[in-house]
Every structure is written in C-alpha cells, then in structure tokens.
Protein backbone atom coordinates (compact mmCIF):
# COMPACT_ATOMS: atom_id res chain seq x y z
CA MET A 1 -100.88 90.33 98.79
CA PHE A 2 -98.81 91.01 101.91
CA THR A 3 -99.59 94.48 103.21
CA GLY A 4 -97.72 94.38 106.52
CA THR A 5 -94.32 95.79 107.38
CA LEU A 6 -91.46 93.45 108.18
CA LEU A 7 -88.74 94.24 110.67
CA PRO A 8 -85.21 94.21 109.18
CA TYR A 9 -84.26 90.88 110.78
CA GLN A 10 -87.36 89.21 109.28
CA THR A 11 -86.62 89.94 105.63
CA GLU A 12 -83.71 87.47 105.46
CA ALA A 13 -86.02 84.64 106.48
CA VAL A 14 -88.63 85.57 103.88
CA ASP A 15 -86.02 85.70 101.11
CA ARG A 16 -84.59 82.28 102.01
CA MET A 17 -88.03 80.71 102.40
CA CYS A 18 -89.04 81.92 98.94
CA ASP A 19 -85.75 80.69 97.51
CA GLN A 20 -85.47 77.24 99.15
CA LYS A 21 -89.20 76.54 99.62
CA LYS A 22 -88.54 73.77 102.16
CA MET A 23 -87.22 75.07 105.46
CA LEU A 24 -87.18 74.82 109.20
CA VAL A 25 -87.97 78.32 110.45
CA ALA A 26 -86.33 78.31 113.88
CA TYR A 27 -86.68 81.97 114.79
CA ASP A 28 -86.68 82.40 118.54
CA LEU A 29 -89.92 82.92 120.43
CA GLY A 30 -91.55 86.29 119.91
CA LEU A 31 -89.71 87.16 116.71
CA GLY A 32 -92.69 86.98 114.37
CA LYS A 33 -92.62 83.57 112.68
CA THR A 34 -96.30 83.90 111.80
CA VAL A 35 -96.01 87.23 110.01
CA LEU A 36 -92.85 86.35 108.07
CA THR A 37 -94.44 83.04 106.97
CA ILE A 38 -97.50 84.89 105.69
CA ALA A 39 -95.16 87.30 103.88
CA ALA A 40 -93.27 84.43 102.23
CA ILE A 41 -96.43 82.61 101.11
CA GLU A 42 -98.03 85.78 99.76
CA ASN A 43 -94.82 86.56 97.85
CA MET A 44 -94.88 83.10 96.24
CA ILE A 45 -98.57 83.48 95.40
CA ASP A 46 -97.77 86.76 93.68
CA THR A 47 -94.89 85.24 91.69
CA GLY A 48 -96.87 82.16 90.73
CA ASP A 49 -94.70 79.71 92.70
CA ILE A 50 -97.84 78.84 94.67
CA GLN A 51 -100.95 78.39 92.55
CA THR A 52 -103.40 76.61 94.85
CA PRO A 53 -104.49 77.06 98.46
CA GLY A 54 -102.46 75.36 101.16
CA LEU A 55 -102.65 74.09 104.71
CA ILE A 56 -101.74 75.73 108.00
CA ILE A 57 -101.54 72.97 110.63
CA CYS A 58 -101.33 74.27 114.19
CA LEU A 59 -102.51 73.73 117.74
CA SER A 60 -106.26 73.94 118.18
CA SER A 61 -105.96 77.04 120.35
CA LEU A 62 -104.10 78.92 117.60
CA LYS A 63 -106.41 78.38 114.62
CA TYR A 64 -108.39 81.59 115.02
CA GLN A 65 -105.24 83.53 115.80
CA TRP A 66 -103.76 82.42 112.48
CA ALA A 67 -106.94 83.45 110.65
CA ALA A 68 -106.87 86.88 112.27
CA GLN A 69 -103.20 87.41 111.39
CA ILE A 70 -103.74 86.41 107.74
CA THR A 71 -106.61 88.85 107.43
CA LYS A 72 -104.62 91.59 109.15
CA PHE A 73 -101.41 91.26 107.14
CA THR A 74 -103.15 90.91 103.76
CA SER A 75 -105.76 93.59 104.45
CA GLY A 76 -108.42 91.01 103.71
CA THR A 77 -107.18 90.25 100.19
CA SER A 78 -106.49 86.61 101.13
CA LYS A 79 -109.14 84.39 102.66
CA PRO A 80 -108.45 82.03 105.58
CA LEU A 81 -110.80 79.15 106.35
CA VAL A 82 -110.75 77.62 109.84
CA ILE A 83 -111.86 74.00 110.06
CA ASP A 84 -113.64 73.75 113.41
CA GLY A 85 -116.85 72.70 115.10
CA THR A 86 -119.15 69.69 114.83
CA PRO A 87 -118.75 66.99 112.15
CA THR A 88 -121.60 68.61 110.19
CA GLN A 89 -120.01 72.04 110.38
CA ARG A 90 -116.62 70.66 109.38
CA ALA A 91 -118.12 68.82 106.42
CA LYS A 92 -119.45 72.13 105.07
CA GLN A 93 -116.08 73.79 105.67
CA TYR A 94 -114.22 71.02 103.86
CA GLN A 95 -116.57 71.38 100.91
CA GLU A 96 -115.81 75.10 100.86
CA ALA A 97 -112.10 74.23 100.74
CA PHE A 98 -112.61 71.75 97.89
CA ASP A 99 -114.54 74.42 95.96
CA TRP A 100 -111.73 76.96 96.44
CA LYS A 101 -111.92 78.25 92.86
CA THR A 102 -115.47 79.43 93.62
CA THR A 103 -115.19 80.29 97.32
CA GLY A 104 -111.84 82.08 97.05
CA VAL A 105 -110.24 80.23 99.98
CA ASP A 106 -106.45 80.71 100.15
CA TYR A 107 -105.48 79.24 103.54
CA ILE A 108 -107.05 76.14 105.11
CA ILE A 109 -106.36 76.12 108.85
CA LEU A 110 -106.44 72.83 110.76
CA ASN A 111 -105.22 71.44 114.04
CA TYR A 112 -102.99 68.36 114.26
CA GLU A 113 -105.70 66.03 115.58
CA GLN A 114 -107.86 66.77 112.55
CA VAL A 115 -105.09 65.57 110.23
CA VAL A 116 -105.47 62.15 111.87
CA ASN A 117 -109.23 62.08 112.41
CA ASP A 118 -110.24 63.63 109.07
CA TRP A 119 -107.47 62.12 106.94
CA ALA A 120 -109.91 60.76 104.34
CA LEU A 121 -110.79 64.37 103.48
CA ILE A 122 -107.50 66.08 104.21
CA LYS A 123 -105.45 63.93 101.86
CA SER A 124 -107.51 65.35 98.96
CA LEU A 125 -107.32 69.01 99.97
CA PRO A 126 -105.30 71.37 97.76
CA GLN A 127 -101.72 71.51 99.01
CA GLY A 128 -100.00 74.43 97.36
CA PHE A 129 -98.08 74.72 100.64
CA VAL A 130 -98.07 73.08 104.05
CA VAL A 131 -97.03 75.00 107.16
CA LEU A 132 -96.54 73.28 110.50
CA ASP A 133 -96.80 75.76 113.34
CA GLU A 134 -95.25 74.66 116.65
CA ALA A 135 -93.67 71.84 114.67
CA THR A 136 -92.44 70.03 117.79
CA ALA A 137 -95.91 68.48 117.65
CA ILE A 138 -94.27 65.92 115.32
CA LYS A 139 -91.04 65.47 117.31
CA SER A 140 -91.95 61.86 118.06
CA PHE A 141 -91.57 59.22 115.35
CA LYS A 142 -94.21 57.02 116.97
CA SER A 143 -97.12 59.42 117.32
CA LYS A 144 -100.08 59.16 114.96
CA ARG A 145 -100.01 62.88 114.26
CA SER A 146 -96.38 62.64 113.16
CA LYS A 147 -97.02 59.69 110.85
CA TYR A 148 -100.06 61.27 109.22
CA VAL A 149 -98.53 64.72 108.78
CA LYS A 150 -95.50 63.18 107.08
CA ARG A 151 -97.82 61.67 104.48
CA LEU A 152 -98.18 65.22 103.14
CA ASN A 153 -94.84 64.75 101.43
CA PHE A 154 -95.61 65.73 97.84
CA CYS A 155 -96.14 69.40 98.56
CA PRO A 156 -93.59 71.68 96.82
CA VAL A 157 -93.55 74.25 99.65
CA LYS A 158 -93.12 73.06 103.23
CA PHE A 159 -92.23 75.08 106.30
CA ALA A 160 -91.88 73.89 109.89
CA LEU A 161 -92.06 76.70 112.45
CA THR A 162 -90.70 76.39 115.97
CA GLY A 163 -88.52 78.45 118.25
CA THR A 164 -87.53 75.26 120.09
CA PRO A 165 -86.64 72.56 117.52
CA ILE A 166 -85.21 70.37 120.29
CA GLU A 167 -87.62 70.36 123.23
CA ASN A 168 -86.34 67.56 125.42
CA GLY A 169 -82.60 67.63 124.80
CA LYS A 170 -82.83 64.94 122.10
CA ALA A 171 -81.33 65.37 118.63
CA GLU A 172 -83.78 62.69 117.44
CA GLU A 173 -86.59 65.24 117.77
CA LEU A 174 -84.92 67.47 115.20
CA TYR A 175 -84.50 64.48 112.86
CA SER A 176 -88.23 63.76 113.07
CA ILE A 177 -89.15 67.35 112.18
CA MET A 178 -86.70 67.45 109.27
CA GLU A 179 -88.22 64.23 107.95
CA PHE A 180 -91.27 66.33 107.13
CA VAL A 181 -89.38 69.35 105.81
CA ASP A 182 -86.88 67.55 103.58
CA LYS A 183 -85.92 63.89 103.99
CA SER A 184 -82.69 64.40 102.04
CA VAL A 185 -81.17 66.64 104.73
CA PHE A 186 -80.23 63.86 107.17
CA GLY A 187 -80.82 60.74 105.10
CA SER A 188 -81.81 57.54 106.86
CA TYR A 189 -82.15 57.40 110.63
CA LEU A 190 -79.57 54.62 110.85
CA SER A 191 -77.05 56.87 109.13
CA PHE A 192 -77.97 59.79 111.39
CA GLU A 193 -77.67 57.64 114.50
CA LYS A 194 -74.29 56.22 113.49
CA LYS A 195 -72.90 59.65 112.73
CA HIS A 196 -74.24 61.69 115.64
CA ILE A 197 -75.45 59.55 118.59
CA ASN A 198 -73.38 57.91 121.35
CA LYS A 199 -74.89 54.97 123.23
CA ASN A 200 -73.72 53.16 126.35
CA TYR A 201 -73.41 49.39 126.82
CA MET A 202 -77.14 49.11 127.56
CA GLY A 203 -78.10 50.84 124.32
CA TRP A 204 -79.13 54.09 126.02
CA ILE A 205 -78.28 57.45 124.49
CA ASP A 206 -75.73 59.15 126.72
CA GLY A 207 -74.44 61.89 124.42
CA TYR A 208 -73.99 63.27 120.90
CA LYS A 209 -70.98 63.48 118.58
CA ASN A 210 -69.79 65.28 115.45
CA LEU A 211 -71.81 68.27 116.59
CA SER A 212 -70.05 70.84 114.41
CA GLU A 213 -71.00 68.85 111.32
CA LEU A 214 -74.57 68.45 112.60
CA PHE A 215 -74.81 72.18 113.24
CA GLN A 216 -73.60 72.96 109.71
CA THR A 217 -76.09 70.51 108.18
CA VAL A 218 -78.98 72.01 110.12
CA SER A 219 -77.93 75.56 109.22
CA LYS A 220 -78.23 74.88 105.48
CA ALA A 221 -81.83 73.72 105.85
CA SER A 222 -83.02 76.25 108.41
CA ILE A 223 -83.15 79.92 109.22
CA ARG A 224 -82.36 80.90 112.80
CA LYS A 225 -82.44 84.15 114.76
CA ARG A 226 -82.23 84.53 118.53
CA GLN A 227 -83.48 87.26 120.79
CA SER A 228 -79.90 88.01 121.78
CA ASP A 229 -78.65 88.56 118.21
CA PRO A 230 -77.40 92.14 117.67
CA ASP A 231 -79.84 92.79 114.82
CA VAL A 232 -82.77 91.50 116.88
CA ALA A 233 -82.21 92.69 120.46
CA PRO A 234 -83.08 96.38 119.81
CA TYR A 235 -86.63 95.36 118.88
CA LEU A 236 -87.29 93.41 122.08
CA PRO A 237 -87.65 94.32 125.74
CA GLU A 238 -84.66 93.60 127.95
CA THR A 239 -85.33 90.30 129.73
CA LEU A 240 -84.23 89.87 133.32
CA MET A 241 -84.00 86.18 134.25
CA ALA A 242 -84.29 86.59 138.00
CA GLU A 243 -82.59 84.15 140.36
CA PRO A 244 -85.05 81.46 141.47
CA ILE A 245 -86.86 82.16 144.70
CA LEU A 246 -86.37 79.19 147.05
CA VAL A 247 -89.25 78.71 149.46
CA PRO A 248 -88.76 76.56 152.61
CA PHE A 249 -91.33 73.93 153.53
CA ASP A 250 -93.42 74.42 156.65
CA LYS A 251 -93.08 71.71 159.31
CA ALA A 252 -96.10 69.63 158.25
CA SER A 253 -95.29 69.71 154.53
CA LYS A 254 -91.66 68.85 155.20
CA ALA A 255 -92.65 65.77 157.19
CA LEU A 256 -94.94 64.52 154.41
CA TYR A 257 -92.32 65.26 151.75
CA LYS A 258 -89.83 63.11 153.68
CA GLU A 259 -92.39 60.32 154.05
CA ILE A 260 -92.91 60.18 150.28
CA THR A 261 -89.18 60.54 149.53
CA ASP A 262 -88.19 57.70 151.85
CA SER A 263 -90.72 55.41 150.17
CA LEU A 264 -89.57 56.52 146.73
CA LEU A 265 -85.92 55.82 147.52
CA GLU A 266 -86.77 52.22 148.34
CA ASP A 267 -88.51 51.87 144.98
CA LEU A 268 -85.57 53.42 143.13
CA LYS A 269 -83.20 51.07 144.92
CA GLU A 270 -85.26 48.15 143.68
CA ALA A 271 -85.35 49.58 140.14
CA ALA A 272 -81.56 49.90 140.08
CA LYS A 273 -81.25 46.11 140.47
CA TYR A 274 -82.86 45.62 137.10
CA MET A 275 -81.03 48.44 135.36
CA ASN A 276 -77.49 47.93 136.69
CA MET A 277 -77.14 51.69 137.04
CA GLY A 278 -78.74 54.83 138.45
CA ILE A 279 -81.79 56.36 136.82
CA ASN A 280 -80.25 59.19 134.85
CA ILE A 281 -83.30 60.88 133.48
CA PHE A 282 -86.45 61.54 135.46
CA GLY A 283 -89.18 59.05 134.72
CA SER A 284 -87.24 57.35 131.93
CA PHE A 285 -87.17 53.58 132.32
CA ILE A 286 -85.63 51.85 129.33
CA PRO A 287 -86.13 49.18 128.20
CA ASP A 288 -89.67 48.23 129.13
CA ASN A 289 -89.99 44.84 130.78
CA GLY A 290 -92.12 43.22 133.46
CA PRO A 291 -90.35 44.27 136.67
CA ILE A 292 -89.43 47.74 135.41
CA ASP A 293 -92.94 48.34 134.10
CA GLU A 294 -94.39 47.43 137.49
CA LEU A 295 -91.93 49.69 139.28
CA ARG A 296 -92.79 52.56 136.95
CA SER A 297 -96.43 52.29 138.00
CA VAL A 298 -95.31 52.61 141.64
CA ILE A 299 -92.63 55.26 141.22
CA MET A 300 -94.35 57.75 138.91
CA PRO A 301 -97.34 58.45 141.22
CA LYS A 302 -94.91 59.22 144.06
CA LEU A 303 -92.90 61.60 141.91
CA ILE A 304 -96.10 63.34 140.87
CA ALA A 305 -97.22 63.50 144.51
CA LEU A 306 -93.93 65.24 145.41
CA ARG A 307 -94.48 67.79 142.66
CA MET A 308 -98.09 68.41 143.70
CA LEU A 309 -97.06 68.79 147.33
CA CYS A 310 -94.52 71.44 146.31
CA SER A 311 -97.27 73.39 144.56
CA HIS A 312 -100.09 72.91 147.07
CA PRO A 313 -101.04 69.98 149.36
CA GLU A 314 -104.66 70.49 148.27
CA LEU A 315 -103.71 69.02 144.88
CA VAL A 316 -102.70 65.75 146.56
CA THR A 317 -105.90 65.73 148.60
CA ILE A 318 -108.09 66.34 145.53
CA SER A 319 -106.30 63.59 143.60
CA GLY A 320 -106.84 61.14 146.47
CA GLU A 321 -110.51 62.08 146.84
CA LEU A 322 -111.11 61.61 143.12
CA PHE A 323 -109.57 58.15 143.20
CA ASN A 324 -111.48 57.08 146.30
CA ALA A 325 -114.76 58.39 144.91
CA SER A 326 -114.31 56.35 141.69
CA ILE A 327 -116.21 58.96 139.66
CA VAL A 328 -116.51 57.97 135.99
CA GLY A 329 -114.47 60.32 133.81
CA GLU A 330 -112.46 61.70 136.73
CA ASN A 331 -108.90 60.55 137.30
CA GLY A 332 -107.15 60.44 140.62
CA SER A 333 -104.07 58.83 142.08
CA LYS A 334 -104.24 55.55 143.97
CA TYR A 335 -101.13 56.58 145.90
CA ALA A 336 -102.69 59.93 146.83
CA GLY A 337 -105.75 58.01 147.99
CA GLU A 338 -103.52 55.88 150.23
CA LEU A 339 -101.94 59.00 151.76
CA LEU A 340 -105.44 60.32 152.40
CA ASP A 341 -106.63 57.08 153.97
CA ARG A 342 -103.60 56.98 156.26
CA GLY A 343 -104.44 60.47 157.55
CA LEU A 344 -101.12 61.90 156.36
CA LEU A 345 -102.77 64.88 154.66
CA GLU A 346 -104.89 66.02 157.61
CA LYS A 347 -102.30 68.41 159.05
CA VAL A 348 -100.84 69.50 155.71
CA THR A 349 -103.06 72.41 154.77
CA LYS A 350 -100.77 75.33 153.96
CA SER A 351 -98.91 76.12 150.76
CA PRO A 352 -95.78 78.19 151.50
CA LYS A 353 -95.27 78.67 147.77
CA LEU A 354 -98.76 80.09 147.23
CA SER A 355 -98.27 82.51 150.14
CA VAL A 356 -94.99 83.77 148.68
CA THR A 357 -96.47 84.04 145.18
CA THR A 358 -99.47 86.01 146.42
CA GLU A 359 -97.17 88.45 148.18
CA ILE A 360 -94.88 88.86 145.16
CA VAL A 361 -97.76 89.46 142.74
CA GLY A 362 -99.55 91.86 145.08
CA ASN A 363 -96.44 93.98 145.55
CA PHE A 364 -95.67 93.96 141.84
CA LEU A 365 -99.15 95.10 140.80
CA ALA A 366 -99.13 97.80 143.47
CA GLU A 367 -96.01 99.35 141.93
CA SER A 368 -97.91 100.55 138.86
CA PRO A 369 -101.51 100.36 137.60
CA TYR A 370 -100.11 99.33 134.22
CA ASN A 371 -98.20 96.27 135.42
CA LYS A 372 -99.57 92.89 134.33
CA CYS A 373 -98.49 89.39 135.30
CA VAL A 374 -98.60 85.91 133.71
CA ILE A 375 -98.42 82.81 135.92
CA PHE A 376 -97.80 79.29 134.59
CA THR A 377 -98.45 76.01 136.37
CA SER A 378 -98.31 72.40 135.17
CA PHE A 379 -101.40 71.45 137.19
CA VAL A 380 -104.84 72.45 135.95
CA GLY A 381 -106.16 72.22 139.52
CA MET A 382 -103.57 74.78 140.59
CA THR A 383 -104.98 77.38 138.19
CA ALA A 384 -108.21 77.45 140.22
CA LEU A 385 -106.32 77.77 143.53
CA LEU A 386 -104.22 80.61 142.13
CA GLU A 387 -107.28 82.38 140.76
CA GLN A 388 -109.01 82.11 144.13
CA ALA A 389 -105.98 83.60 145.91
CA LEU A 390 -105.41 86.40 143.37
CA ASN A 391 -108.90 87.20 142.10
CA LYS A 392 -109.04 90.55 143.89
CA HIS A 393 -106.38 91.76 141.47
CA GLY A 394 -108.40 90.78 138.39
CA ALA A 395 -107.35 87.27 137.38
CA ILE A 396 -108.39 85.10 134.45
CA THR A 397 -107.56 81.45 133.74
CA TYR A 398 -106.60 79.64 130.54
CA THR A 399 -106.55 75.81 130.42
CA GLY A 400 -106.80 72.91 128.03
CA SER A 401 -110.33 72.16 129.22
CA MET A 402 -111.52 75.28 127.39
CA ASN A 403 -112.42 75.14 123.70
CA ALA A 404 -110.63 77.24 121.08
CA LYS A 405 -113.13 80.11 121.21
CA GLU A 406 -113.16 80.25 125.03
CA LYS A 407 -109.36 80.42 125.02
CA GLU A 408 -109.40 83.23 122.49
CA VAL A 409 -111.89 85.21 124.62
CA ALA A 410 -109.74 84.79 127.74
CA LYS A 411 -106.60 85.84 125.91
CA VAL A 412 -108.20 88.91 124.33
CA LYS A 413 -109.69 90.00 127.67
CA PHE A 414 -106.25 89.98 129.28
CA GLN A 415 -104.79 91.82 126.32
CA THR A 416 -107.43 94.55 126.18
CA ASP A 417 -109.03 94.94 129.64
CA PRO A 418 -106.98 97.14 132.02
CA GLY A 419 -108.77 95.55 134.99
CA THR A 420 -107.69 92.02 134.06
CA ARG A 421 -104.12 92.08 135.32
CA ILE A 422 -103.25 88.41 135.92
CA PHE A 423 -103.26 85.63 133.33
CA ILE A 424 -103.11 82.21 135.04
CA SER A 425 -102.43 79.39 132.64
CA SER A 426 -101.78 75.69 132.50
CA ASP A 427 -99.28 74.57 129.89
CA ALA A 428 -102.06 74.90 127.31
CA GLY A 429 -101.08 78.58 127.12
CA GLY A 430 -97.40 77.84 126.61
CA TYR A 431 -97.59 77.72 122.83
CA GLY A 432 -98.41 80.58 120.51
CA VAL A 433 -100.30 82.79 122.98
CA ASP A 434 -98.93 86.33 122.65
CA LEU A 435 -99.07 88.26 125.91
CA PRO A 436 -96.87 91.34 125.36
CA GLN A 437 -99.05 93.36 127.74
CA ALA A 438 -97.39 91.61 130.71
CA ASN A 439 -94.03 92.59 132.18
CA LEU A 440 -93.72 89.79 134.76
CA LEU A 441 -93.94 86.05 134.15
CA ILE A 442 -93.90 83.64 137.08
CA ASN A 443 -93.22 79.94 136.66
CA TYR A 444 -95.12 78.68 139.68
CA ASP A 445 -93.69 75.28 138.86
CA LEU A 446 -91.55 74.00 135.98
CA PRO A 447 -92.34 71.67 133.08
CA TRP A 448 -90.06 68.72 132.26
CA SER A 449 -89.60 69.86 128.68
CA ALA A 450 -86.91 72.49 128.06
CA GLY A 451 -88.80 73.54 124.96
CA LEU A 452 -91.98 74.14 126.91
CA ALA A 453 -90.04 76.11 129.52
CA ALA A 454 -88.72 78.36 126.75
CA GLN A 455 -92.18 78.58 125.19
CA ARG A 456 -93.68 79.69 128.49
CA ASN A 457 -91.09 82.44 128.94
CA GLY A 458 -91.53 83.54 125.35
CA ARG A 459 -95.12 84.60 125.97
CA ILE A 460 -93.96 88.03 127.20
CA GLN A 461 -90.64 88.22 125.33
CA ARG A 462 -92.23 89.64 122.20
CA ALA A 463 -91.20 92.11 119.54
CA SER A 464 -94.70 93.58 119.98
CA SER A 465 -94.03 94.40 123.65
CA THR A 466 -93.97 98.05 124.64
CA TRP A 467 -92.09 97.37 127.90
CA GLU A 468 -88.42 98.30 128.16
CA LYS A 469 -87.84 95.41 130.56
CA VAL A 470 -89.67 92.20 131.44
CA VAL A 471 -88.91 89.80 134.28
CA ILE A 472 -89.01 85.98 134.33
CA GLN A 473 -89.24 84.52 137.84
CA ASP A 474 -89.11 80.84 138.84
CA ILE A 475 -90.39 79.85 142.29
CA LEU A 476 -89.06 76.57 143.71
CA MET A 477 -89.44 74.70 146.96
CA GLU A 478 -86.05 74.55 148.65
CA GLY A 479 -84.34 71.14 148.63
CA SER A 480 -87.15 69.59 146.62
CA ILE A 481 -87.56 67.69 143.37
CA GLU A 482 -88.10 71.08 141.74
CA GLU A 483 -84.39 71.89 142.06
CA ARG A 484 -83.59 68.63 140.25
CA GLN A 485 -86.09 69.59 137.59
CA ARG A 486 -84.40 72.92 136.96
CA ALA A 487 -80.97 71.26 136.63
CA MET A 488 -82.43 68.86 134.05
CA LEU A 489 -83.85 71.73 132.04
CA GLN A 490 -80.43 73.38 131.94
CA GLN A 491 -78.87 70.18 130.57
CA LYS A 492 -81.54 69.82 127.91
CA ILE A 493 -81.02 73.44 126.88
CA SER A 494 -77.29 72.76 126.45
CA VAL A 495 -78.06 70.03 123.90
CA ALA A 496 -80.31 72.35 121.89
CA ASN A 497 -77.74 75.16 122.04
CA ALA A 498 -75.01 72.89 120.69
CA ILE A 499 -77.01 71.51 117.76
CA ILE A 500 -79.12 74.51 116.76
CA ASP A 501 -76.76 77.36 117.65
CA GLY A 502 -73.33 75.69 117.62
CA GLU A 503 -72.63 76.71 121.22
CA GLY A 504 -71.03 74.76 124.07
CA ILE A 505 -69.49 72.08 121.84
CA SER A 506 -66.45 70.52 123.51
CA LYS A 507 -63.01 70.38 121.93
CA ASP A 508 -63.78 66.73 121.16
CA ASN A 509 -66.78 67.88 119.11
CA ASP A 510 -69.27 66.08 121.34
CA LEU A 511 -71.59 66.57 124.29
CA THR A 512 -72.05 64.10 127.15
CA LEU A 513 -75.15 63.99 129.34
CA THR A 514 -73.76 64.24 132.87
CA LEU A 515 -76.72 64.80 135.17
CA GLY A 516 -76.54 62.44 138.17
CA SER A 517 -79.23 59.95 139.04
CA LEU A 518 -82.53 60.85 140.62
CA ARG A 519 -81.74 58.48 143.46
CA GLN A 520 -78.49 60.32 144.20
CA PHE A 521 -80.32 63.64 144.21
CA LEU A 522 -83.02 62.47 146.61
CA GLN A 523 -80.44 60.96 148.95
CA GLY A 524 -78.44 64.18 148.94
CA ALA A 525 -81.48 66.37 149.45
C-alpha cells in the first residue's frame, strides 16, 4: 500500500501508468520518478492488476536507494529484496525470491549486469512487473545488457524510467528503449529508419525527418514533464545556468597543448583521405576498416591527452607512468608515456583550472556555513587531486571503484553531515544520486554524452531541495577541446528537444546536424 504523498504534477503519471501499463516515464531529472513508480505499482497491486512480485532493474549504486524508498513510501507494508553480494549470498537471495509466497517479497531489485550474469535464474523469477531505472542503460542495440533485458518481454506491466531518453543526440537510442517497453510503438527498425532518419552518400546519419510525427508517436507511449513546466516549476529551486568560466592556459601548458594539437591535426588530415570528408562527430570513425581503425588507435589517445591536460597535467603524467611501469591490472596511455619519455611534461606542473576552482569553491563556502557544493569530473584520478586541494573544507569522493555500500555511505555522509560540504564525484555519481543539500554544482570538465551532462546537473535540481536557487557552473579551458565539447552537447540536446518535447523543429519538419569537423575546430583554435 502506498502511504506517501504525491505532488500534483505526479498524479497524472500514476494514472496513465496504471491505465496503459507499458510506458516510458520521461519525467525530467529530480521530479520523483521513483516515488510515482512505487505509487503506480502499489495501486495495481491493490486493484489486483499485479498479482506476483516484480523486478526493479537499476544501476548497482542505486539498488539500496530503491529498497529504502520502497520501505519509506509503503511504511514497510511491501518488502524489497536486494540481490547483492557473493555468489553464495546471491543464491540465498534468489531462493528467497522464488519462495515469495512464504517470504513475502514484493520487489526484487537487481542491477543490469546481474540480468546478464545470472540469467539462468532471473528468467524464472516472478515478473508481475519489470521496471528499468535509468533506462538509457539499454540505449544500444548491440550491448549484452540490452539484449538480455529485452528477453523479459512477456511481462504485462513494463516501465522504462529516464529523464534523458536520448542521451547522445540519436533517435535510435529512443527506438531501442521503446523496443523493451512496447515493440508495437515504432514497428520494425527498417520502417523507423525509412520514416525518420536521413543519411548521406556514405551511409552516415546526418539528420532526422518527420519529427512532428515522431514526437506525436512518442507522446502516446510516454509521460513527460519538465522542470520548466508551469505546474512543476513552483516545486523546484530556481536554477541559474551560469555562463561558462573560461580559464587561460599558463605558458608551459599552452606549449604542450599546441604540441599535441599539431600532431593530432596531421593524423586527422590522414584520416580525411579515407573518409572523403571532415570528421563531424568527435571520436566517431565510420565505417571500421584497416586504415581507419589504425588511425583511431593513434588519434583517440591524443584527444584524451588534450582533455587530461585541460583538467590537470598530473593526469597525463600518471597515465604515462602507469604505461611505462607495465603494472598488471593498471592501464596507462602509450602516447602519454611517449610525452613523458620526451621530457615534455617536466615543466608542465600547474593546473590553472584547479587553481580557479579552488578559489571559486572557497569563496562560495565562505558566504554561508550552510552552502554545499558538488563537483563532477570525468577522470577518476582527478577526484583525488580535487579532494587533496579542497579537503580543508570537508570533501568526500564518490567513484565507480567503490562498491554499492561504500557509495551509499559517502552519499549519506554528504547529505547528513554539516561538516562534509563538498561532494567530488566521477561520472559514477551522475545517475540517481540525490544531492538536494547542495546549492552549487561545478562541472570541472564535461562528458561527451548530453544525457550524462543533464544527469549531472539534475543531482541538485530536485523537488526535495530546500534552496530557493541553485547554480550550475561549467569551467572550461579557453580555446581548448572543451569548447568544442560544449558545442557538441548543445547540438545533441537540440535533437532530444525536438523528438521528446517537440521543440526546435524546422518548417521542413526535420533537423540537420550542422556541427563542423573536429579538424576545422582545432585549426581555428
């Protein structure tokens, strides 16, 4: 029995979910997809539409959070079971799930990897409902997790939850998710492709068409609310998206950046010979073939080195040292090792971006003892460098190298301890981690996925926030690859806005991808 209280904008979703039973729940980040899903399932249990336990499939870091929310919003009347631990422990938990009539289990909570690894057991679990949290986990047709999850196709109640149904500016991602929810919505992929995808003479996707029709089709099979909607905005803090702070390179870093860029431009020039055109999307080399595959292995390490240099030259040094040391289980970059061997990193010791970030955070925390800050970085090694620089303010880190329980402890400490004022996270914290205690979020660097960028920002844009205003701040190195990255994110967001929200569609009812080539950007910069 659901014992929580829904906000007015959440009741519409619950009603439609109970009515249609197969839906994409595309409520924006921070709008309570977890609680309204629990409300819908409990309602259908009460009415008899659901008569057996079901599955909650989520990221590993969110399993215990789901269990806590189920207990909270049913006042303990429904029983969640988290599948976690050693093979022996999991075997006992699976048996408890199979014996649900005796044990009283109502929700069986798994992570995506377990669906693949434990499929022999999972295929026989009761499936009164299946909920996919952060459903972009199955955005790829080719991934094992996607293929296995879609085998759960006989369940009468299926919900896919995500605030970012299109993460990388690709309509194909939405098709893959809807394949799980309801295959009849889009029909075959060939039909979908013919109706909605434009390709150039090389067979590459360069835009989308018939977007109004696509938007209408999606709307019938989904429920969508945004933070900016009039019936939602009053329940959220005002979000100030601050203008990016552009940080100039110091002399030594600038010289090394140019060294890497010049080398990279030569590689891109060579790649263009095989592709008959510029490289339009960062790191995307299609189709795979011998020469292009070889060039990818040369180009990608240099692009990564540029990104690491923007964050902190120490990251490049560490990567080179790891490669040169050839330590089993530790990965490093051969290219970074070459830079190290050539002595090009000896004079590059300062991080202008870290200096600026330290100053910004220090000033912000000094303004009020209640202020709290979240910092995201794409590099796990950078979390340690940030913690070292900011530890005097009470900093805690959150990374993918931590297990589910360690992550939960770190999150709860930030949420409840007044002395822990900075939450430093890799992208492992970008999904499902509620941090409404913070009123400043800094993107120390940017991800390549527009969906992940939105997920990051959504950590403090929560209906549970008590702040009247929160600030999102990007920090970029001036004239660097990071500016290109931000432009790409904006283009990807425009695709999602057109398909999911019906915005920005041209008078021709299409959308063309217009971002110039990486080579052009580097030459201009």
